[in-house]
Amino acid sequence: MEHIVTVQAAVTAFEPWMEPTDAELDAIEAEMPVIRAEMELLDAQIIVIDRTPCELDERRLRRARRRVLAAHRAYVNGANGETGGVA
């Protein structure tokens, strides 16, 4: 009779090199406003996916698109070290 066992070491083995570095976590944190804005846009798009958008839905979509563009602009300007100007 053979015993069936799990390979615990292979399932839960996480080496330190597999974890994100501090620099990677900082990069994710810096990009979070963009990620949140894109999630809001996706939510607005999902709401109207199976119906004709009403005026409120169209405004919601426009605002969400503007937030994504503004978040991208702020992220790119911040990543380049610029503090202002035309994007």
PDB file of N, CA and C in Angstrom:
ATOM      1  N   MET A   1       0.837  -1.179   0.000  1.00  0.00           N
ATOM      2  CA  MET A   1       0.000   0.000   0.000  1.00  0.00           C
ATOM      3  C   MET A   1       0.881   1.241   0.000  1.00  0.00           C
ATOM      4  N   GLU A   2       0.606   2.137  -0.953  1.00  0.00           N
ATOM      5  CA  GLU A   2       1.365   3.376  -1.035  1.00  0.00           C
ATOM      6  C   GLU A   2       0.606   4.487  -0.348  1.00  0.00           C
ATOM      7  N   HIS A   3       1.327   5.296   0.380  1.00  0.00           N
ATOM      8  CA  HIS A   3       0.717   6.436   1.052  1.00  0.00           C
ATOM      9  C   HIS A   3       0.721   7.645   0.115  1.00  0.00           C
ATOM     10  N   ILE A   4      -0.377   8.324   0.096  1.00  0.00           N
ATOM     11  CA  ILE A   4      -0.468   9.540  -0.693  1.00  0.00           C
ATOM     12  C   ILE A   4      -0.217  10.716   0.237  1.00  0.00           C
ATOM     13  N   VAL A   5       0.815  11.476  -0.070  1.00  0.00           N
ATOM     14  CA  VAL A   5       1.165  12.624   0.763  1.00  0.00           C
ATOM     15  C   VAL A   5       1.345  13.836  -0.129  1.00  0.00           C
ATOM     16  N   THR A   6       1.216  14.992   0.461  1.00  0.00           N
ATOM     17  CA  THR A   6       1.451  16.218  -0.289  1.00  0.00           C
ATOM     18  C   THR A   6       2.924  16.575  -0.216  1.00  0.00           C
ATOM     19  N   VAL A   7       3.353  17.307  -1.189  1.00  0.00           N
ATOM     20  CA  VAL A   7       4.728  17.793  -1.206  1.00  0.00           C
ATOM     21  C   VAL A   7       4.695  19.193  -0.606  1.00  0.00           C
ATOM     22  N   GLN A   8       4.726  19.249   0.697  1.00  0.00           N
ATOM     23  CA  GLN A   8       4.566  20.505   1.414  1.00  0.00           C
ATOM     24  C   GLN A   8       5.671  21.490   1.083  1.00  0.00           C
ATOM     25  N   ALA A   9       6.882  21.014   0.968  1.00  0.00           N
ATOM     26  CA  ALA A   9       7.989  21.924   0.718  1.00  0.00           C
ATOM     27  C   ALA A   9       7.836  22.620  -0.635  1.00  0.00           C
ATOM     28  N   ALA A  10       7.366  21.912  -1.640  1.00  0.00           N
ATOM     29  CA  ALA A  10       7.227  22.506  -2.966  1.00  0.00           C
ATOM     30  C   ALA A  10       6.071  23.493  -3.022  1.00  0.00           C
ATOM     31  N   VAL A  11       5.034  23.253  -2.243  1.00  0.00           N
ATOM     32  CA  VAL A  11       3.856  24.118  -2.276  1.00  0.00           C
ATOM     33  C   VAL A  11       4.106  25.423  -1.541  1.00  0.00           C
ATOM     34  N   THR A  12       4.764  25.360  -0.428  1.00  0.00           N
ATOM     35  CA  THR A  12       4.937  26.544   0.410  1.00  0.00           C
ATOM     36  C   THR A  12       6.354  27.103   0.384  1.00  0.00           C
ATOM     37  N   ALA A  13       7.189  26.604  -0.496  1.00  0.00           N
ATOM     38  CA  ALA A  13       8.576  27.083  -0.530  1.00  0.00           C
ATOM     39  C   ALA A  13       8.644  28.427  -1.233  1.00  0.00           C
ATOM     40  N   PHE A  14       8.963  29.446  -0.486  1.00  0.00           N
ATOM     41  CA  PHE A  14       9.154  30.774  -1.057  1.00  0.00           C
ATOM     42  C   PHE A  14      10.540  31.248  -0.658  1.00  0.00           C
ATOM     43  N   GLU A  15      11.348  31.414  -1.637  1.00  0.00           N
ATOM     44  CA  GLU A  15      12.701  31.897  -1.400  1.00  0.00           C
ATOM     45  C   GLU A  15      12.664  33.427  -1.329  1.00  0.00           C
ATOM     46  N   PRO A  16      13.590  34.022  -0.648  1.00  0.00           N
ATOM     47  CA  PRO A  16      13.613  35.492  -0.567  1.00  0.00           C
ATOM     48  C   PRO A  16      13.680  36.162  -1.939  1.00  0.00           C
ATOM     49  N   TRP A  17      14.305  35.537  -2.908  1.00  0.00           N
ATOM     50  CA  TRP A  17      14.412  36.145  -4.232  1.00  0.00           C
ATOM     51  C   TRP A  17      13.081  36.121  -4.977  1.00  0.00           C
ATOM     52  N   MET A  18      12.088  35.380  -4.484  1.00  0.00           N
ATOM     53  CA  MET A  18      10.783  35.324  -5.134  1.00  0.00           C
ATOM     54  C   MET A  18       9.874  36.468  -4.678  1.00  0.00           C
ATOM     55  N   GLU A  19      10.196  37.105  -3.597  1.00  0.00           N
ATOM     56  CA  GLU A  19       9.390  38.211  -3.066  1.00  0.00           C
ATOM     57  C   GLU A  19       9.731  39.489  -3.817  1.00  0.00           C
ATOM     58  N   PRO A  20       8.784  40.410  -3.931  1.00  0.00           N
ATOM     59  CA  PRO A  20       9.102  41.687  -4.585  1.00  0.00           C
ATOM     60  C   PRO A  20      10.079  42.493  -3.741  1.00  0.00           C
ATOM     61  N   THR A  21      10.946  43.192  -4.421  1.00  0.00           N
ATOM     62  CA  THR A  21      11.924  44.023  -3.720  1.00  0.00           C
ATOM     63  C   THR A  21      11.255  45.312  -3.255  1.00  0.00           C
ATOM     64  N   ASP A  22      11.966  46.045  -2.423  1.00  0.00           N
ATOM     65  CA  ASP A  22      11.440  47.329  -1.956  1.00  0.00           C
ATOM     66  C   ASP A  22      11.239  48.293  -3.119  1.00  0.00           C
ATOM     67  N   ALA A  23      12.142  48.252  -4.090  1.00  0.00           N
ATOM     68  CA  ALA A  23      12.016  49.131  -5.253  1.00  0.00           C
ATOM     69  C   ALA A  23      10.775  48.776  -6.066  1.00  0.00           C
ATOM     70  N   GLU A  24      10.497  47.477  -6.221  1.00  0.00           N
ATOM     71  CA  GLU A  24       9.304  47.056  -6.954  1.00  0.00           C
ATOM     72  C   GLU A  24       8.032  47.469  -6.219  1.00  0.00           C
ATOM     73  N   LEU A  25       8.024  47.329  -4.911  1.00  0.00           N
ATOM     74  CA  LEU A  25       6.863  47.741  -4.121  1.00  0.00           C
ATOM     75  C   LEU A  25       6.659  49.254  -4.201  1.00  0.00           C
ATOM     76  N   ASP A  26       7.753  50.011  -4.190  1.00  0.00           N
ATOM     77  CA  ASP A  26       7.651  51.473  -4.331  1.00  0.00           C
ATOM     78  C   ASP A  26       7.101  51.853  -5.700  1.00  0.00           C
ATOM     79  N   ALA A  27       7.513  51.127  -6.740  1.00  0.00           N
ATOM     80  CA  ALA A  27       7.012  51.400  -8.092  1.00  0.00           C
ATOM     81  C   ALA A  27       5.515  51.113  -8.179  1.00  0.00           C
ATOM     82  N   ILE A  28       5.084  50.040  -7.553  1.00  0.00           N
ATOM     83  CA  ILE A  28       3.651  49.709  -7.540  1.00  0.00           C
ATOM     84  C   ILE A  28       2.878  50.780  -6.786  1.00  0.00           C
ATOM     85  N   GLU A  29       3.413  51.207  -5.655  1.00  0.00           N
ATOM     86  CA  GLU A  29       2.759  52.244  -4.854  1.00  0.00           C
ATOM     87  C   GLU A  29       2.648  53.551  -5.630  1.00  0.00           C
ATOM     88  N   ALA A  30       3.687  53.890  -6.396  1.00  0.00           N
ATOM     89  CA  ALA A  30       3.659  55.118  -7.186  1.00  0.00           C
ATOM     90  C   ALA A  30       2.623  55.031  -8.307  1.00  0.00           C
ATOM     91  N   GLU A  31       2.367  53.841  -8.790  1.00  0.00           N
ATOM     92  CA  GLU A  31       1.430  53.661  -9.903  1.00  0.00           C
ATOM     93  C   GLU A  31      -0.009  53.410  -9.430  1.00  0.00           C
ATOM     94  N   MET A  32      -0.235  53.313  -8.136  1.00  0.00           N
ATOM     95  CA  MET A  32      -1.571  53.016  -7.612  1.00  0.00           C
ATOM     96  C   MET A  32      -2.648  54.012  -8.043  1.00  0.00           C
ATOM     97  N   PRO A  33      -2.405  55.317  -8.110  1.00  0.00           N
ATOM     98  CA  PRO A  33      -3.460  56.218  -8.596  1.00  0.00           C
ATOM     99  C   PRO A  33      -3.899  55.883 -10.021  1.00  0.00           C
ATOM    100  N   VAL A  34      -2.962  55.477 -10.864  1.00  0.00           N
ATOM    101  CA  VAL A  34      -3.301  55.087 -12.232  1.00  0.00           C
ATOM    102  C   VAL A  34      -4.142  53.810 -12.213  1.00  0.00           C
ATOM    103  N   ILE A  35      -3.745  52.862 -11.398  1.00  0.00           N
ATOM    104  CA  ILE A  35      -4.466  51.594 -11.301  1.00  0.00           C
ATOM    105  C   ILE A  35      -5.891  51.827 -10.805  1.00  0.00           C
ATOM    106  N   ARG A  36      -6.032  52.661  -9.780  1.00  0.00           N
ATOM    107  CA  ARG A  36      -7.374  52.958  -9.251  1.00  0.00           C
ATOM    108  C   ARG A  36      -8.255  53.655 -10.289  1.00  0.00           C
ATOM    109  N   ALA A  37      -7.666  54.614 -11.021  1.00  0.00           N
ATOM    110  CA  ALA A  37      -8.431  55.330 -12.049  1.00  0.00           C
ATOM    111  C   ALA A  37      -8.859  54.368 -13.154  1.00  0.00           C
ATOM    112  N   GLU A  38      -7.978  53.461 -13.539  1.00  0.00           N
ATOM    113  CA  GLU A  38      -8.333  52.487 -14.573  1.00  0.00           C
ATOM    114  C   GLU A  38      -9.416  51.531 -14.078  1.00  0.00           C
ATOM    115  N   MET A  39      -9.390  51.191 -12.796  1.00  0.00           N
ATOM    116  CA  MET A  39     -10.441  50.331 -12.239  1.00  0.00           C
ATOM    117  C   MET A  39     -11.782  51.053 -12.243  1.00  0.00           C
ATOM    118  N   GLU A  40     -11.789  52.349 -11.933  1.00  0.00           N
ATOM    119  CA  GLU A  40     -13.034  53.129 -11.967  1.00  0.00           C
ATOM    120  C   GLU A  40     -13.588  53.197 -13.390  1.00  0.00           C
ATOM    121  N   LEU A  41     -12.703  53.371 -14.369  1.00  0.00           N
ATOM    122  CA  LEU A  41     -13.138  53.387 -15.766  1.00  0.00           C
ATOM    123  C   LEU A  41     -13.711  52.034 -16.159  1.00  0.00           C
ATOM    124  N   LEU A  42     -13.058  50.981 -15.752  1.00  0.00           N
ATOM    125  CA  LEU A  42     -13.556  49.644 -16.057  1.00  0.00           C
ATOM    126  C   LEU A  42     -14.922  49.402 -15.413  1.00  0.00           C
ATOM    127  N   ASP A  43     -15.094  49.851 -14.182  1.00  0.00           N
ATOM    128  CA  ASP A  43     -16.401  49.727 -13.517  1.00  0.00           C
ATOM    129  C   ASP A  43     -17.482  50.475 -14.291  1.00  0.00           C
ATOM    130  N   ALA A  44     -17.164  51.681 -14.745  1.00  0.00           N
ATOM    131  CA  ALA A  44     -18.138  52.471 -15.511  1.00  0.00           C
ATOM    132  C   ALA A  44     -18.469  51.787 -16.835  1.00  0.00           C
ATOM    133  N   GLN A  45     -17.478  51.185 -17.464  1.00  0.00           N
ATOM    134  CA  GLN A  45     -17.719  50.481 -18.716  1.00  0.00           C
ATOM    135  C   GLN A  45     -18.550  49.217 -18.499  1.00  0.00           C
ATOM    136  N   ILE A  46     -18.318  48.532 -17.404  1.00  0.00           N
ATOM    137  CA  ILE A  46     -19.082  47.317 -17.106  1.00  0.00           C
ATOM    138  C   ILE A  46     -20.541  47.648 -16.858  1.00  0.00           C
ATOM    139  N   ILE A  47     -20.799  48.781 -16.211  1.00  0.00           N
ATOM    140  CA  ILE A  47     -22.174  49.184 -15.914  1.00  0.00           C
ATOM    141  C   ILE A  47     -22.991  49.320 -17.193  1.00  0.00           C
ATOM    142  N   VAL A  48     -22.389  49.859 -18.245  1.00  0.00           N
ATOM    143  CA  VAL A  48     -23.138  50.127 -19.480  1.00  0.00           C
ATOM    144  C   VAL A  48     -22.920  49.065 -20.555  1.00  0.00           C
ATOM    145  N   ILE A  49     -22.315  47.964 -20.201  1.00  0.00           N
ATOM    146  CA  ILE A  49     -21.974  46.973 -21.218  1.00  0.00           C
ATOM    147  C   ILE A  49     -23.204  46.325 -21.864  1.00  0.00           C
ATOM    148  N   ASP A  50     -24.288  46.217 -21.129  1.00  0.00           N
ATOM    149  CA  ASP A  50     -25.461  45.517 -21.674  1.00  0.00           C
ATOM    150  C   ASP A  50     -26.674  46.426 -21.835  1.00  0.00           C
ATOM    151  N   ARG A  51     -26.425  47.722 -21.852  1.00  0.00           N
ATOM    152  CA  ARG A  51     -27.539  48.658 -22.051  1.00  0.00           C
ATOM    153  C   ARG A  51     -27.033  49.913 -22.739  1.00  0.00           C
ATOM    154  N   THR A  52     -27.946  50.667 -23.247  1.00  0.00           N
ATOM    155  CA  THR A  52     -27.601  51.946 -23.851  1.00  0.00           C
ATOM    156  C   THR A  52     -27.327  52.949 -22.744  1.00  0.00           C
ATOM    157  N   PRO A  53     -26.171  53.606 -22.784  1.00  0.00           N
ATOM    158  CA  PRO A  53     -25.843  54.539 -21.708  1.00  0.00           C
ATOM    159  C   PRO A  53     -26.789  55.744 -21.689  1.00  0.00           C
ATOM    160  N   CYS A  54     -27.257  56.085 -20.510  1.00  0.00           N
ATOM    161  CA  CYS A  54     -28.057  57.297 -20.348  1.00  0.00           C
ATOM    162  C   CYS A  54     -27.095  58.469 -20.141  1.00  0.00           C
ATOM    163  N   GLU A  55     -27.638  59.650 -19.936  1.00  0.00           N
ATOM    164  CA  GLU A  55     -26.802  60.835 -19.767  1.00  0.00           C
ATOM    165  C   GLU A  55     -25.877  60.713 -18.565  1.00  0.00           C
ATOM    166  N   LEU A  56     -26.383  60.166 -17.473  1.00  0.00           N
ATOM    167  CA  LEU A  56     -25.574  59.978 -16.274  1.00  0.00           C
ATOM    168  C   LEU A  56     -24.423  59.002 -16.539  1.00  0.00           C
ATOM    169  N   ASP A  57     -24.713  57.926 -17.262  1.00  0.00           N
ATOM    170  CA  ASP A  57     -23.671  56.955 -17.590  1.00  0.00           C
ATOM    171  C   ASP A  57     -22.592  57.578 -18.470  1.00  0.00           C
ATOM    172  N   GLU A  58     -23.016  58.395 -19.437  1.00  0.00           N
ATOM    173  CA  GLU A  58     -22.052  59.053 -20.311  1.00  0.00           C
ATOM    174  C   GLU A  58     -21.158  59.999 -19.526  1.00  0.00           C
ATOM    175  N   ARG A  59     -21.726  60.721 -18.567  1.00  0.00           N
ATOM    176  CA  ARG A  59     -20.919  61.600 -17.708  1.00  0.00           C
ATOM    177  C   ARG A  59     -19.940  60.792 -16.867  1.00  0.00           C
ATOM    178  N   ARG A  60     -20.431  59.678 -16.321  1.00  0.00           N
ATOM    179  CA  ARG A  60     -19.579  58.811 -15.502  1.00  0.00           C
ATOM    180  C   ARG A  60     -18.395  58.300 -16.329  1.00  0.00           C
ATOM    181  N   LEU A  61     -18.662  57.887 -17.568  1.00  0.00           N
ATOM    182  CA  LEU A  61     -17.590  57.407 -18.441  1.00  0.00           C
ATOM    183  C   LEU A  61     -16.597  58.520 -18.775  1.00  0.00           C
ATOM    184  N   ARG A  62     -17.109  59.710 -19.102  1.00  0.00           N
ATOM    185  CA  ARG A  62     -16.238  60.840 -19.416  1.00  0.00           C
ATOM    186  C   ARG A  62     -15.340  61.192 -18.232  1.00  0.00           C
ATOM    187  N   ARG A  63     -15.930  61.253 -17.061  1.00  0.00           N
ATOM    188  CA  ARG A  63     -15.143  61.586 -15.860  1.00  0.00           C
ATOM    189  C   ARG A  63     -14.091  60.524 -15.579  1.00  0.00           C
ATOM    190  N   ALA A  64     -14.472  59.279 -15.750  1.00  0.00           N
ATOM    191  CA  ALA A  64     -13.519  58.188 -15.511  1.00  0.00           C
ATOM    192  C   ALA A  64     -12.365  58.251 -16.504  1.00  0.00           C
ATOM    193  N   ARG A  65     -12.673  58.550 -17.769  1.00  0.00           N
ATOM    194  CA  ARG A  65     -11.609  58.682 -18.776  1.00  0.00           C
ATOM    195  C   ARG A  65     -10.677  59.844 -18.434  1.00  0.00           C
ATOM    196  N   ARG A  66     -11.267  60.957 -18.000  1.00  0.00           N
ATOM    197  CA  ARG A  66     -10.443  62.117 -17.620  1.00  0.00           C
ATOM    198  C   ARG A  66      -9.552  61.794 -16.418  1.00  0.00           C
ATOM    199  N   ARG A  67     -10.088  61.040 -15.457  1.00  0.00           N
ATOM    200  CA  ARG A  67      -9.284  60.654 -14.294  1.00  0.00           C
ATOM    201  C   ARG A  67      -8.109  59.769 -14.708  1.00  0.00           C
ATOM    202  N   VAL A  68      -8.352  58.857 -15.644  1.00  0.00           N
ATOM    203  CA  VAL A  68      -7.268  57.988 -16.120  1.00  0.00           C
ATOM    204  C   VAL A  68      -6.196  58.833 -16.796  1.00  0.00           C
ATOM    205  N   LEU A  69      -6.610  59.745 -17.669  1.00  0.00           N
ATOM    206  CA  LEU A  69      -5.629  60.597 -18.349  1.00  0.00           C
ATOM    207  C   LEU A  69      -4.857  61.463 -17.363  1.00  0.00           C
ATOM    208  N   ALA A  70      -5.547  62.024 -16.388  1.00  0.00           N
ATOM    209  CA  ALA A  70      -4.882  62.859 -15.385  1.00  0.00           C
ATOM    210  C   ALA A  70      -3.912  62.032 -14.538  1.00  0.00           C
ATOM    211  N   ALA A  71      -4.312  60.827 -14.164  1.00  0.00           N
ATOM    212  CA  ALA A  71      -3.441  59.963 -13.362  1.00  0.00           C
ATOM    213  C   ALA A  71      -2.211  59.550 -14.167  1.00  0.00           C
ATOM    214  N   HIS A  72      -2.408  59.225 -15.442  1.00  0.00           N
ATOM    215  CA  HIS A  72      -1.263  58.885 -16.295  1.00  0.00           C
ATOM    216  C   HIS A  72      -0.321  60.073 -16.436  1.00  0.00           C
ATOM    217  N   ARG A  73      -0.883  61.259 -16.655  1.00  0.00           N
ATOM    218  CA  ARG A  73      -0.065  62.457 -16.800  1.00  0.00           C
ATOM    219  C   ARG A  73       0.741  62.706 -15.525  1.00  0.00           C
ATOM    220  N   ALA A  74       0.083  62.625 -14.383  1.00  0.00           N
ATOM    221  CA  ALA A  74       0.770  62.859 -13.111  1.00  0.00           C
ATOM    222  C   ALA A  74       1.854  61.810 -12.876  1.00  0.00           C
ATOM    223  N   TYR A  75       1.568  60.573 -13.224  1.00  0.00           N
ATOM    224  CA  TYR A  75       2.546  59.496 -13.028  1.00  0.00           C
ATOM    225  C   TYR A  75       3.767  59.710 -13.915  1.00  0.00           C
ATOM    226  N   VAL A  76       3.530  60.023 -15.194  1.00  0.00           N
ATOM    227  CA  VAL A  76       4.641  60.219 -16.130  1.00  0.00           C
ATOM    228  C   VAL A  76       5.446  61.448 -15.741  1.00  0.00           C
ATOM    229  N   ASN A  77       4.799  62.541 -15.396  1.00  0.00           N
ATOM    230  CA  ASN A  77       5.510  63.742 -14.994  1.00  0.00           C
ATOM    231  C   ASN A  77       6.301  63.502 -13.715  1.00  0.00           C
ATOM    232  N   GLY A  78       5.742  62.754 -12.788  1.00  0.00           N
ATOM    233  CA  GLY A  78       6.442  62.447 -11.551  1.00  0.00           C
ATOM    234  C   GLY A  78       7.591  61.497 -11.777  1.00  0.00           C
ATOM    235  N   ALA A  79       7.417  60.551 -12.711  1.00  0.00           N
ATOM    236  CA  ALA A  79       8.480  59.576 -12.977  1.00  0.00           C
ATOM    237  C   ALA A  79       9.667  60.215 -13.680  1.00  0.00           C
ATOM    238  N   ASN A  80       9.414  61.272 -14.455  1.00  0.00           N
ATOM    239  CA  ASN A  80      10.494  61.961 -15.154  1.00  0.00           C
ATOM    240  C   ASN A  80      11.155  63.025 -14.303  1.00  0.00           C
ATOM    241  N   GLY A  81      10.647  63.233 -13.113  1.00  0.00           N
ATOM    242  CA  GLY A  81      11.223  64.234 -12.231  1.00  0.00           C
ATOM    243  C   GLY A  81      10.709  65.627 -12.492  1.00  0.00           C
ATOM    244  N   GLU A  82       9.734  65.771 -13.367  1.00  0.00           N
ATOM    245  CA  GLU A  82       9.181  67.086 -13.659  1.00  0.00           C
ATOM    246  C   GLU A  82       8.166  67.453 -12.597  1.00  0.00           C
ATOM    247  N   THR A  83       8.104  68.717 -12.266  1.00  0.00           N
ATOM    248  CA  THR A  83       7.146  69.149 -11.248  1.00  0.00           C
ATOM    249  C   THR A  83       5.964  69.892 -11.837  1.00  0.00           C
ATOM    250  N   GLY A  84       5.988  70.145 -13.110  1.00  0.00           N
ATOM    251  CA  GLY A  84       4.871  70.881 -13.711  1.00  0.00           C
ATOM    252  C   GLY A  84       5.084  71.036 -15.196  1.00  0.00           C
ATOM    253  N   GLY A  85       4.295  71.865 -15.798  1.00  0.00           N
ATOM    254  CA  GLY A  85       4.438  72.092 -17.213  1.00  0.00           C
ATOM    255  C   GLY A  85       3.351  71.396 -18.004  1.00  0.00           C
ATOM    256  N   VAL A  86       3.496  71.478 -19.295  1.00  0.00           N
ATOM    257  CA  VAL A  86       2.495  70.891 -20.187  1.00  0.00           C
ATOM    258  C   VAL A  86       2.840  69.431 -20.419  1.00  0.00           C
ATOM    259  N   ALA A  87       1.826  68.580 -20.299  1.00  0.00           N
ATOM    260  CA  ALA A  87       2.061  67.148 -20.522  1.00  0.00           C
ATOM    261  C   ALA A  87       1.534  66.724 -21.855  1.00  0.00           C
TER     262      ALA A  87
END
